[in-house]
């Protein structure tokens, strides 16, 4: 054929300059952020529906949800709700405050409004 075509590809470099090696690029493109306003845990959703725009103590929440085992309530209802940012403490600096109550965050209220709109 006798042709001599030079291959130019700006994304594939065999021997890049040394100063280019100092630049950092992410290894992987991050996946799309999931919908953070949704919780796939039905226990968290039940707790959000119970709290609503009010504030309750742990014992009040357990009574409203008709639960009796406090460690399970804390582990499977309250802890995931707080970790996902749906519920917050009234006195966050003092978790064992005698008048500690739990209420919905802005994110929790938005989900509560979305859930009650569907009903």
Protein backbone atom coordinates (compact mmCIF):
# COMPACT_ATOMS: atom_id res chain seq x y z
CA UNK A 1 0.00 0.00 0.00
CA UNK A 2 2.86 2.36 0.70
CA UNK A 3 0.79 4.76 2.85
CA UNK A 4 2.18 6.20 6.06
CA UNK A 5 -0.72 7.57 8.14
CA UNK A 6 0.03 8.99 11.56
CA UNK A 7 -2.36 7.90 14.29
CA UNK A 8 -3.52 10.80 16.45
CA UNK A 9 -5.62 10.03 19.49
CA UNK A 10 -5.62 12.56 22.28
CA UNK A 11 -7.06 10.10 24.79
CA UNK A 12 -4.55 7.28 24.38
CA UNK A 13 -0.97 8.13 25.12
CA UNK A 14 1.69 5.45 25.26
CA UNK A 15 4.43 7.56 26.85
CA UNK A 16 2.87 10.67 28.39
CA UNK A 17 5.12 13.48 29.60
CA UNK A 18 6.20 13.26 33.26
CA UNK A 19 4.23 16.33 34.29
CA UNK A 20 1.03 14.67 33.08
CA UNK A 21 1.54 11.79 35.49
CA UNK A 22 1.20 14.23 38.39
CA UNK A 23 -2.35 15.13 37.33
CA UNK A 24 -4.92 12.95 38.99
CA UNK A 25 -8.04 11.77 37.23
CA UNK A 26 -10.79 9.70 38.74
CA UNK A 27 -10.41 6.02 37.99
CA UNK A 28 -14.12 5.55 37.45
CA UNK A 29 -16.96 7.85 36.59
CA UNK A 30 -19.31 7.93 39.59
CA UNK A 31 -22.71 6.41 39.02
CA UNK A 32 -25.77 8.57 39.02
CA UNK A 33 -26.78 9.66 42.49
CA UNK A 34 -29.87 7.73 43.60
CA UNK A 35 -32.98 9.53 44.70
CA UNK A 36 -32.07 10.65 48.23
CA UNK A 37 -35.64 11.63 49.03
CA UNK A 38 -36.78 8.02 49.01
CA UNK A 39 -36.24 5.30 51.58
CA UNK A 40 -36.67 1.68 50.57
CA UNK A 41 -36.92 0.57 54.20
CA UNK A 42 -40.57 0.17 55.21
CA UNK A 43 -39.70 0.55 58.90
CA UNK A 44 -38.19 3.99 58.23
CA UNK A 45 -41.22 4.99 56.17
CA UNK A 46 -43.55 3.90 59.00
CA UNK A 47 -41.60 6.00 61.47
CA UNK A 48 -41.72 9.04 59.17
CA UNK A 49 -45.48 8.66 58.79
CA UNK A 50 -45.92 8.48 62.58
CA UNK A 51 -43.72 11.48 63.41
CA UNK A 52 -45.11 13.82 60.75
CA UNK A 53 -44.81 17.52 61.64
CA UNK A 54 -44.70 16.79 65.40
CA UNK A 55 -41.95 15.73 67.80
CA UNK A 56 -42.01 12.64 70.01
CA UNK A 57 -39.88 10.87 72.60
CA UNK A 58 -38.71 7.30 72.06
CA UNK A 59 -41.37 5.87 74.37
CA UNK A 60 -44.11 7.83 72.60
CA UNK A 61 -42.90 6.63 69.19
CA UNK A 62 -42.80 3.04 70.38
CA UNK A 63 -46.34 3.34 71.72
CA UNK A 64 -47.61 4.84 68.44
CA UNK A 65 -45.93 2.07 66.42
CA UNK A 66 -47.20 -0.55 68.92
CA UNK A 67 -43.68 -1.81 69.64
CA UNK A 68 -42.35 -3.05 72.97
CA UNK A 69 -38.72 -4.04 72.42
CA UNK A 70 -36.66 -0.85 72.70
CA UNK A 71 -33.33 -2.23 71.32
CA UNK A 72 -35.03 -3.45 68.13
CA UNK A 73 -36.83 -0.13 67.73
CA UNK A 74 -33.57 1.77 68.08
CA UNK A 75 -31.66 -0.55 65.72
CA UNK A 76 -34.19 -0.99 62.92
CA UNK A 77 -36.36 2.13 63.04
CA UNK A 78 -34.66 5.09 64.66
CA UNK A 79 -30.98 4.54 63.81
CA UNK A 80 -31.50 4.14 60.02
CA UNK A 81 -33.84 7.14 60.01
CA UNK A 82 -31.25 9.35 61.68
CA UNK A 83 -28.37 8.02 59.56
CA UNK A 84 -30.26 8.68 56.32
CA UNK A 85 -31.09 12.21 57.44
CA UNK A 86 -34.86 11.86 57.77
CA UNK A 87 -35.06 12.26 61.56
CA UNK A 88 -33.03 14.38 63.96
CA UNK A 89 -32.82 14.94 67.69
CA UNK A 90 -34.15 18.07 69.33
CA UNK A 91 -31.01 18.26 71.48
CA UNK A 92 -28.26 16.80 69.24
CA UNK A 93 -25.41 17.85 71.55
CA UNK A 94 -26.91 15.92 74.44
CA UNK A 95 -28.32 12.54 73.27
CA UNK A 96 -29.39 11.58 76.82
CA UNK A 97 -31.17 14.85 77.52
CA UNK A 98 -34.18 14.26 79.82
CA UNK A 99 -36.55 15.99 77.38
CA UNK A 100 -35.03 14.52 74.21
CA UNK A 101 -37.49 14.38 71.33
CA UNK A 102 -37.20 13.30 67.70
CA UNK A 103 -38.54 15.27 64.77
CA UNK A 104 -38.32 15.19 61.00
CA UNK A 105 -35.63 17.09 59.13
CA UNK A 106 -36.40 19.10 55.99
CA UNK A 107 -35.66 15.97 53.97
CA UNK A 108 -37.94 13.94 56.25
CA UNK A 109 -40.74 16.49 55.96
CA UNK A 110 -40.43 16.46 52.17
CA UNK A 111 -40.76 12.67 52.15
CA UNK A 112 -43.65 12.85 54.64
CA UNK A 113 -45.47 15.36 52.39
CA UNK A 114 -44.84 13.13 49.38
CA UNK A 115 -46.13 10.05 51.23
CA UNK A 116 -49.27 11.79 52.53
CA UNK A 117 -49.98 13.26 49.09
CA UNK A 118 -50.21 9.71 47.67
CA UNK A 119 -52.79 8.67 50.27
